Amino acid sequence: MTRVLFVCLGNICRSPVVEVVARTHARRAGLDIEFASCGTGGWHVGKGADTRMRAAARTAGYDLEPHRARQLRAADLRDYDLVLAMDRDNLREIERLKSTASTAHIDLLLPWAGVDEPAEFPDPYYGDEAGFTASVALVERGIQGLLERLRRESSGA
């Protein structure tokens, strides 16, 4: 089974919604892929997703209620096959945790999933509800490319 970890800053907005959307669409497609998310910062550990992201996700048909934030650990870089960062700042933080034991492929989510623009997933945290709705739409725009690439790479094509 392929294991994919999505990483943002606090694990309360972007990475949890990517996780739930990816899991939902992979399940519908019959793909055996494990998805998880975390943040590079520890401020929100144990807390649920941001209420605005929960509302935007719920409107689009996704349930973020069970989510609890956690912080990225060095062990994640050997426990997951693929670690996808939401932006370059988080990508740098992930790269700093790399060691000789790290086996995960590390990259930016949107380019890896075949989304041309934007290269970085905008953080809606300091904005209004529209930014959260746009985040869900951005994930939905890139999810098929993500799943198709995971399907190709797991089959060795």
N, C-alpha and C. Protein backbone atom coordinates (compact mmCIF):
# COMPACT_ATOMS: atom_id res chain seq x y z
N MET A 1 0.83 -1.18 0.00
CA MET A 1 0.00 0.00 0.00
C MET A 1 0.88 1.25 0.00
N THR A 2 0.54 2.19 -0.83
CA THR A 2 1.23 3.47 -0.88
C THR A 2 0.75 4.33 0.28
N ARG A 3 1.69 5.00 0.94
CA ARG A 3 1.36 5.89 2.07
C ARG A 3 1.78 7.31 1.71
N VAL A 4 0.81 8.24 1.79
CA VAL A 4 1.03 9.62 1.40
C VAL A 4 0.73 10.54 2.59
N LEU A 5 1.64 11.48 2.84
CA LEU A 5 1.48 12.44 3.92
C LEU A 5 1.45 13.85 3.33
N PHE A 6 0.42 14.62 3.67
CA PHE A 6 0.28 16.01 3.24
C PHE A 6 0.70 16.91 4.40
N VAL A 7 1.49 17.95 4.11
CA VAL A 7 2.06 18.78 5.16
C VAL A 7 1.82 20.27 4.89
N CYS A 8 1.27 20.94 5.89
CA CYS A 8 1.14 22.40 5.85
C CYS A 8 1.75 22.96 7.14
N LEU A 9 1.41 24.16 7.51
CA LEU A 9 2.02 24.78 8.67
C LEU A 9 1.44 24.29 9.99
N GLY A 10 0.14 24.42 10.17
CA GLY A 10 -0.46 24.08 11.46
C GLY A 10 -1.34 22.84 11.48
N ASN A 11 -1.60 22.26 10.30
CA ASN A 11 -2.43 21.06 10.15
C ASN A 11 -3.87 21.30 10.59
N ILE A 12 -4.37 22.52 10.30
CA ILE A 12 -5.77 22.79 10.61
C ILE A 12 -6.55 23.33 9.40
N CYS A 13 -5.87 23.61 8.29
CA CYS A 13 -6.56 24.15 7.12
C CYS A 13 -6.28 23.33 5.87
N ARG A 14 -5.12 23.56 5.26
CA ARG A 14 -4.84 22.99 3.94
C ARG A 14 -4.62 21.48 3.95
N SER A 15 -3.66 21.00 4.73
CA SER A 15 -3.35 19.57 4.66
C SER A 15 -4.52 18.68 5.10
N PRO A 16 -5.32 19.05 6.11
CA PRO A 16 -6.44 18.18 6.44
C PRO A 16 -7.49 18.09 5.34
N VAL A 17 -7.74 19.21 4.64
CA VAL A 17 -8.74 19.14 3.57
C VAL A 17 -8.20 18.33 2.39
N VAL A 18 -6.91 18.45 2.11
CA VAL A 18 -6.33 17.63 1.04
C VAL A 18 -6.44 16.15 1.42
N GLU A 19 -6.14 15.85 2.68
CA GLU A 19 -6.23 14.46 3.15
C GLU A 19 -7.63 13.89 2.97
N VAL A 20 -8.66 14.61 3.41
CA VAL A 20 -10.02 14.07 3.36
C VAL A 20 -10.52 13.98 1.92
N VAL A 21 -10.18 14.94 1.08
CA VAL A 21 -10.59 14.89 -0.33
C VAL A 21 -9.88 13.73 -1.04
N ALA A 22 -8.58 13.59 -0.81
CA ALA A 22 -7.83 12.49 -1.42
C ALA A 22 -8.37 11.14 -0.98
N ARG A 23 -8.60 10.99 0.31
CA ARG A 23 -9.11 9.72 0.83
C ARG A 23 -10.48 9.39 0.21
N THR A 24 -11.35 10.38 0.15
CA THR A 24 -12.69 10.18 -0.40
C THR A 24 -12.63 9.74 -1.86
N HIS A 25 -11.85 10.44 -2.67
CA HIS A 25 -11.78 10.12 -4.10
C HIS A 25 -11.02 8.81 -4.36
N ALA A 26 -10.00 8.52 -3.57
CA ALA A 26 -9.28 7.25 -3.73
C ALA A 26 -10.19 6.07 -3.40
N ARG A 27 -10.96 6.21 -2.35
CA ARG A 27 -11.89 5.15 -1.96
C ARG A 27 -12.92 4.92 -3.08
N ARG A 28 -13.47 6.00 -3.62
CA ARG A 28 -14.43 5.89 -4.72
C ARG A 28 -13.83 5.20 -5.93
N ALA A 29 -12.52 5.43 -6.16
CA ALA A 29 -11.83 4.84 -7.31
C ALA A 29 -11.31 3.44 -7.02
N GLY A 30 -11.51 2.96 -5.80
CA GLY A 30 -11.05 1.62 -5.44
C GLY A 30 -9.55 1.51 -5.27
N LEU A 31 -8.89 2.61 -4.95
CA LEU A 31 -7.43 2.60 -4.77
C LEU A 31 -7.06 2.32 -3.32
N ASP A 32 -6.04 1.51 -3.13
CA ASP A 32 -5.57 1.14 -1.80
C ASP A 32 -4.40 2.05 -1.43
N ILE A 33 -4.72 3.25 -1.00
CA ILE A 33 -3.72 4.26 -0.65
C ILE A 33 -4.07 4.80 0.73
N GLU A 34 -3.05 4.94 1.58
CA GLU A 34 -3.26 5.51 2.91
C GLU A 34 -2.85 6.98 2.87
N PHE A 35 -3.73 7.84 3.37
CA PHE A 35 -3.46 9.27 3.41
C PHE A 35 -3.46 9.75 4.85
N ALA A 36 -2.58 10.72 5.14
CA ALA A 36 -2.53 11.37 6.46
C ALA A 36 -2.07 12.80 6.24
N SER A 37 -2.13 13.60 7.30
CA SER A 37 -1.65 14.97 7.21
C SER A 37 -1.04 15.39 8.53
N CYS A 38 -0.23 16.44 8.46
CA CYS A 38 0.39 16.99 9.67
C CYS A 38 0.86 18.40 9.36
N GLY A 39 1.39 19.06 10.38
CA GLY A 39 1.91 20.42 10.22
C GLY A 39 3.36 20.48 10.66
N THR A 40 4.09 21.43 10.12
CA THR A 40 5.48 21.60 10.55
C THR A 40 5.55 22.29 11.91
N GLY A 41 4.52 23.06 12.25
CA GLY A 41 4.46 23.73 13.54
C GLY A 41 3.60 22.96 14.52
N GLY A 42 3.83 23.17 15.80
CA GLY A 42 3.11 22.42 16.81
C GLY A 42 2.03 23.17 17.56
N TRP A 43 1.67 24.37 17.10
CA TRP A 43 0.74 25.22 17.83
C TRP A 43 -0.64 24.60 18.01
N HIS A 44 -1.08 23.81 17.06
CA HIS A 44 -2.46 23.32 17.07
C HIS A 44 -2.58 21.83 17.36
N VAL A 45 -1.50 21.19 17.81
CA VAL A 45 -1.51 19.74 18.05
C VAL A 45 -2.70 19.36 18.93
N GLY A 46 -3.45 18.36 18.47
CA GLY A 46 -4.60 17.86 19.20
C GLY A 46 -5.90 18.58 18.92
N LYS A 47 -5.83 19.70 18.22
CA LYS A 47 -7.04 20.48 17.92
C LYS A 47 -7.66 20.01 16.61
N GLY A 48 -8.93 20.32 16.45
CA GLY A 48 -9.63 20.02 15.21
C GLY A 48 -9.26 21.00 14.11
N ALA A 49 -9.76 20.73 12.92
CA ALA A 49 -9.53 21.65 11.80
C ALA A 49 -10.21 22.99 12.08
N ASP A 50 -9.70 24.02 11.47
CA ASP A 50 -10.27 25.36 11.58
C ASP A 50 -11.77 25.30 11.25
N THR A 51 -12.58 26.00 12.03
CA THR A 51 -14.04 25.94 11.83
C THR A 51 -14.44 26.39 10.43
N ARG A 52 -13.71 27.35 9.88
CA ARG A 52 -14.03 27.83 8.53
C ARG A 52 -13.73 26.76 7.48
N MET A 53 -12.65 25.98 7.69
CA MET A 53 -12.32 24.90 6.75
C MET A 53 -13.31 23.75 6.90
N ARG A 54 -13.71 23.48 8.15
CA ARG A 54 -14.72 22.43 8.35
C ARG A 54 -16.00 22.78 7.62
N ALA A 55 -16.41 24.05 7.70
CA ALA A 55 -17.64 24.49 7.04
C ALA A 55 -17.52 24.40 5.52
N ALA A 56 -16.40 24.86 4.96
CA ALA A 56 -16.20 24.80 3.51
C ALA A 56 -16.16 23.36 3.02
N ALA A 57 -15.49 22.49 3.78
CA ALA A 57 -15.43 21.07 3.41
C ALA A 57 -16.81 20.43 3.48
N ARG A 58 -17.54 20.73 4.55
CA ARG A 58 -18.89 20.17 4.73
C ARG A 58 -19.80 20.58 3.57
N THR A 59 -19.73 21.83 3.15
CA THR A 59 -20.53 22.32 2.03
C THR A 59 -20.24 21.54 0.75
N ALA A 60 -18.99 21.13 0.59
CA ALA A 60 -18.58 20.37 -0.59
C ALA A 60 -18.76 18.86 -0.41
N GLY A 61 -19.24 18.43 0.77
CA GLY A 61 -19.52 17.01 0.98
C GLY A 61 -18.42 16.22 1.68
N TYR A 62 -17.51 16.89 2.36
CA TYR A 62 -16.41 16.22 3.06
C TYR A 62 -16.52 16.48 4.56
N ASP A 63 -16.15 15.47 5.34
CA ASP A 63 -16.26 15.56 6.80
C ASP A 63 -14.89 15.70 7.45
N LEU A 64 -14.62 16.87 8.00
CA LEU A 64 -13.35 17.11 8.71
C LEU A 64 -13.50 17.02 10.23
N GLU A 65 -14.68 16.69 10.72
CA GLU A 65 -14.90 16.64 12.17
C GLU A 65 -13.94 15.72 12.91
N PRO A 66 -13.62 14.52 12.39
CA PRO A 66 -12.73 13.62 13.15
C PRO A 66 -11.26 14.08 13.20
N HIS A 67 -10.87 15.01 12.36
CA HIS A 67 -9.46 15.41 12.26
C HIS A 67 -8.92 16.00 13.56
N ARG A 68 -7.70 15.60 13.90
CA ARG A 68 -6.95 16.19 15.00
C ARG A 68 -5.55 16.49 14.50
N ALA A 69 -5.10 17.71 14.71
CA ALA A 69 -3.80 18.14 14.21
C ALA A 69 -2.66 17.42 14.90
N ARG A 70 -1.62 17.18 14.13
CA ARG A 70 -0.38 16.62 14.68
C ARG A 70 0.80 17.28 13.98
N GLN A 71 1.95 17.17 14.61
CA GLN A 71 3.16 17.80 14.07
C GLN A 71 4.01 16.77 13.33
N LEU A 72 4.67 17.22 12.28
CA LEU A 72 5.59 16.40 11.51
C LEU A 72 6.71 15.88 12.40
N ARG A 73 7.07 14.60 12.21
CA ARG A 73 8.18 13.96 12.93
C ARG A 73 9.19 13.44 11.92
N ALA A 74 10.44 13.33 12.31
CA ALA A 74 11.47 12.79 11.41
C ALA A 74 11.09 11.38 10.95
N ALA A 75 10.46 10.60 11.82
CA ALA A 75 10.06 9.24 11.46
C ALA A 75 9.08 9.21 10.29
N ASP A 76 8.32 10.29 10.10
CA ASP A 76 7.38 10.35 8.98
C ASP A 76 8.10 10.21 7.64
N LEU A 77 9.35 10.64 7.58
CA LEU A 77 10.10 10.63 6.33
C LEU A 77 10.62 9.24 5.97
N ARG A 78 10.43 8.29 6.86
CA ARG A 78 10.70 6.89 6.50
C ARG A 78 9.41 6.07 6.53
N ASP A 79 8.40 6.53 7.26
CA ASP A 79 7.14 5.79 7.37
C ASP A 79 6.21 6.01 6.19
N TYR A 80 6.38 7.11 5.46
CA TYR A 80 5.54 7.42 4.31
C TYR A 80 6.36 7.31 3.03
N ASP A 81 5.69 6.94 1.94
CA ASP A 81 6.35 6.83 0.65
C ASP A 81 6.49 8.18 -0.03
N LEU A 82 5.51 9.03 0.19
CA LEU A 82 5.44 10.31 -0.47
C LEU A 82 5.00 11.36 0.54
N VAL A 83 5.75 12.46 0.64
CA VAL A 83 5.42 13.56 1.54
C VAL A 83 5.28 14.81 0.66
N LEU A 84 4.06 15.36 0.66
CA LEU A 84 3.76 16.50 -0.22
C LEU A 84 3.47 17.75 0.60
N ALA A 85 4.27 18.78 0.38
CA ALA A 85 4.15 20.05 1.10
C ALA A 85 3.21 20.98 0.34
N MET A 86 2.53 21.83 1.12
CA MET A 86 1.61 22.79 0.52
C MET A 86 2.33 23.99 -0.08
N ASP A 87 3.52 24.33 0.45
CA ASP A 87 4.26 25.49 -0.04
C ASP A 87 5.75 25.30 0.20
N ARG A 88 6.53 26.21 -0.36
CA ARG A 88 7.99 26.09 -0.28
C ARG A 88 8.53 26.24 1.15
N ASP A 89 7.90 27.06 1.97
CA ASP A 89 8.35 27.20 3.36
C ASP A 89 8.24 25.86 4.09
N ASN A 90 7.12 25.19 3.93
CA ASN A 90 6.95 23.90 4.58
C ASN A 90 7.84 22.84 3.94
N LEU A 91 8.07 22.95 2.64
CA LEU A 91 8.99 22.03 1.98
C LEU A 91 10.39 22.14 2.59
N ARG A 92 10.84 23.38 2.84
CA ARG A 92 12.15 23.58 3.47
C ARG A 92 12.20 22.95 4.87
N GLU A 93 11.13 23.10 5.63
CA GLU A 93 11.07 22.51 6.98
C GLU A 93 11.14 20.98 6.91
N ILE A 94 10.47 20.42 5.95
CA ILE A 94 10.51 18.96 5.76
C ILE A 94 11.93 18.53 5.40
N GLU A 95 12.53 19.24 4.47
CA GLU A 95 13.90 18.90 4.03
C GLU A 95 14.89 18.96 5.19
N ARG A 96 14.66 19.88 6.14
CA ARG A 96 15.57 19.98 7.30
C ARG A 96 15.50 18.76 8.20
N LEU A 97 14.38 18.04 8.16
CA LEU A 97 14.24 16.84 8.99
C LEU A 97 14.83 15.59 8.33
N LYS A 98 15.17 15.69 7.06
CA LYS A 98 15.70 14.52 6.34
C LYS A 98 16.98 14.01 6.99
N SER A 99 17.10 12.69 6.97
CA SER A 99 18.31 12.04 7.47
C SER A 99 18.64 10.89 6.52
N THR A 100 19.68 10.16 6.83
CA THR A 100 20.04 9.01 6.00
C THR A 100 18.96 7.92 6.07
N ALA A 101 18.15 7.94 7.12
CA ALA A 101 17.07 6.96 7.26
C ALA A 101 15.82 7.34 6.47
N SER A 102 15.77 8.57 5.96
CA SER A 102 14.60 9.04 5.23
C SER A 102 14.50 8.36 3.88
N THR A 103 13.34 7.81 3.58
CA THR A 103 13.12 7.13 2.31
C THR A 103 12.01 7.76 1.48
N ALA A 104 11.24 8.65 2.05
CA ALA A 104 10.10 9.25 1.36
C ALA A 104 10.56 10.16 0.23
N HIS A 105 9.78 10.17 -0.84
CA HIS A 105 9.94 11.19 -1.88
C HIS A 105 9.25 12.44 -1.35
N ILE A 106 9.91 13.58 -1.45
CA ILE A 106 9.38 14.85 -0.92
C ILE A 106 9.21 15.83 -2.07
N ASP A 107 8.05 16.49 -2.11
CA ASP A 107 7.79 17.42 -3.21
C ASP A 107 6.69 18.40 -2.81
N LEU A 108 6.42 19.36 -3.71
CA LEU A 108 5.29 20.26 -3.55
C LEU A 108 4.04 19.57 -4.11
N LEU A 109 2.93 19.68 -3.40
CA LEU A 109 1.69 19.02 -3.80
C LEU A 109 1.21 19.38 -5.20
N LEU A 110 0.95 20.65 -5.44
CA LEU A 110 0.26 21.02 -6.67
C LEU A 110 1.06 20.69 -7.93
N PRO A 111 2.33 21.03 -8.03
CA PRO A 111 3.08 20.62 -9.22
C PRO A 111 3.15 19.09 -9.37
N TRP A 112 3.32 18.38 -8.25
CA TRP A 112 3.39 16.92 -8.31
C TRP A 112 2.09 16.34 -8.85
N ALA A 113 0.97 16.98 -8.51
CA ALA A 113 -0.34 16.51 -8.96
C ALA A 113 -0.69 17.00 -10.36
N GLY A 114 0.18 17.78 -10.97
CA GLY A 114 -0.05 18.24 -12.33
C GLY A 114 -0.82 19.54 -12.44
N VAL A 115 -0.95 20.28 -11.34
CA VAL A 115 -1.61 21.59 -11.37
C VAL A 115 -0.55 22.62 -11.76
N ASP A 116 -0.79 23.33 -12.86
CA ASP A 116 0.19 24.30 -13.35
C ASP A 116 0.29 25.54 -12.48
N GLU A 117 -0.84 26.10 -12.12
CA GLU A 117 -0.87 27.30 -11.30
C GLU A 117 -1.98 27.18 -10.26
N PRO A 118 -1.75 27.56 -9.06
CA PRO A 118 -0.51 28.09 -8.50
C PRO A 118 0.44 26.94 -8.13
N ALA A 119 1.72 27.22 -8.04
CA ALA A 119 2.69 26.20 -7.62
C ALA A 119 2.58 25.92 -6.13
N GLU A 120 2.22 26.95 -5.37
CA GLU A 120 2.06 26.80 -3.93
C GLU A 120 0.59 26.92 -3.56
N PHE A 121 0.17 26.11 -2.60
CA PHE A 121 -1.22 26.11 -2.15
C PHE A 121 -1.39 27.29 -1.19
N PRO A 122 -2.19 28.32 -1.56
CA PRO A 122 -2.34 29.50 -0.70
C PRO A 122 -2.93 29.14 0.68
N ASP A 123 -2.41 29.76 1.71
CA ASP A 123 -2.90 29.52 3.07
C ASP A 123 -4.10 30.44 3.33
N PRO A 124 -5.29 29.87 3.57
CA PRO A 124 -6.47 30.71 3.77
C PRO A 124 -6.62 31.24 5.19
N TYR A 125 -5.75 30.85 6.11
CA TYR A 125 -5.94 31.09 7.54
C TYR A 125 -6.25 32.54 7.89
N TYR A 126 -5.53 33.50 7.31
CA TYR A 126 -5.71 34.91 7.67
C TYR A 126 -6.74 35.63 6.81
N GLY A 127 -7.43 34.88 5.96
CA GLY A 127 -8.42 35.49 5.09
C GLY A 127 -9.85 35.22 5.55
N ASP A 128 -10.76 35.40 4.63
CA ASP A 128 -12.18 35.19 4.94
C ASP A 128 -12.65 33.82 4.44
N GLU A 129 -13.93 33.56 4.57
CA GLU A 129 -14.51 32.27 4.21
C GLU A 129 -14.27 31.93 2.74
N ALA A 130 -14.24 32.93 1.88
CA ALA A 130 -14.03 32.69 0.45
C ALA A 130 -12.71 31.96 0.19
N GLY A 131 -11.69 32.26 0.98
CA GLY A 131 -10.40 31.59 0.83
C GLY A 131 -10.48 30.11 1.16
N PHE A 132 -11.32 29.76 2.10
CA PHE A 132 -11.50 28.35 2.48
C PHE A 132 -12.27 27.60 1.40
N THR A 133 -13.28 28.24 0.86
CA THR A 133 -14.02 27.65 -0.25
C THR A 133 -13.11 27.46 -1.45
N ALA A 134 -12.26 28.44 -1.73
CA ALA A 134 -11.31 28.34 -2.83
C ALA A 134 -10.31 27.21 -2.59
N SER A 135 -9.93 26.97 -1.33
CA SER A 135 -9.01 25.89 -1.01
C SER A 135 -9.62 24.53 -1.36
N VAL A 136 -10.87 24.34 -1.01
CA VAL A 136 -11.55 23.07 -1.33
C VAL A 136 -11.62 22.91 -2.85
N ALA A 137 -11.95 23.97 -3.55
CA ALA A 137 -12.03 23.91 -5.02
C ALA A 137 -10.67 23.59 -5.63
N LEU A 138 -9.59 24.15 -5.07
CA LEU A 138 -8.25 23.88 -5.58
C LEU A 138 -7.88 22.42 -5.39
N VAL A 139 -8.20 21.87 -4.24
CA VAL A 139 -7.93 20.44 -4.00
C VAL A 139 -8.71 19.60 -5.01
N GLU A 140 -9.98 19.92 -5.18
CA GLU A 140 -10.79 19.13 -6.11
C GLU A 140 -10.27 19.25 -7.54
N ARG A 141 -9.70 20.39 -7.88
CA ARG A 141 -9.13 20.57 -9.23
C ARG A 141 -7.91 19.68 -9.43
N GLY A 142 -7.12 19.47 -8.37
CA GLY A 142 -5.89 18.70 -8.50
C GLY A 142 -5.98 17.23 -8.13
N ILE A 143 -7.10 16.81 -7.57
CA ILE A 143 -7.15 15.46 -7.00
C ILE A 143 -7.05 14.36 -8.06
N GLN A 144 -7.65 14.56 -9.21
CA GLN A 144 -7.58 13.51 -10.23
C GLN A 144 -6.15 13.33 -10.74
N GLY A 145 -5.42 14.44 -10.89
CA GLY A 145 -4.03 14.33 -11.30
C GLY A 145 -3.19 13.63 -10.25
N LEU A 146 -3.45 13.92 -8.99
CA LEU A 146 -2.75 13.26 -7.90
C LEU A 146 -3.01 11.76 -7.92
N LEU A 147 -4.27 11.38 -8.00
CA LEU A 147 -4.61 9.95 -7.97
C LEU A 147 -4.11 9.23 -9.21
N GLU A 148 -4.18 9.87 -10.36
CA GLU A 148 -3.69 9.24 -11.58
C GLU A 148 -2.18 9.01 -11.50
N ARG A 149 -1.45 9.97 -10.99
CA ARG A 149 0.00 9.79 -10.85
C ARG A 149 0.31 8.70 -9.83
N LEU A 150 -0.41 8.66 -8.73
CA LEU A 150 -0.20 7.59 -7.74
C LEU A 150 -0.50 6.22 -8.36
N ARG A 151 -1.55 6.16 -9.15
CA ARG A 151 -1.92 4.91 -9.82
C ARG A 151 -0.81 4.46 -10.78
N ARG A 152 -0.31 5.40 -11.59
CA ARG A 152 0.77 5.08 -12.54
C ARG A 152 2.03 4.62 -11.82
N GLU A 153 2.40 5.36 -10.78
CA GLU A 153 3.66 5.03 -10.10
C GLU A 153 3.57 3.74 -9.30
N SER A 154 2.39 3.41 -8.79
CA SER A 154 2.27 2.15 -8.05
C SER A 154 2.25 0.94 -8.99
N SER A 155 1.86 1.17 -10.26
CA SER A 155 1.85 0.07 -11.21
C SER A 155 3.17 -0.03 -11.97
N GLY A 156 4.09 0.92 -11.72
CA GLY A 156 5.38 0.91 -12.36
C GLY A 156 5.35 1.44 -13.78
N ALA A 157 4.26 2.05 -14.18
CA ALA A 157 4.14 2.56 -15.56
C ALA A 157 4.89 3.85 -15.74
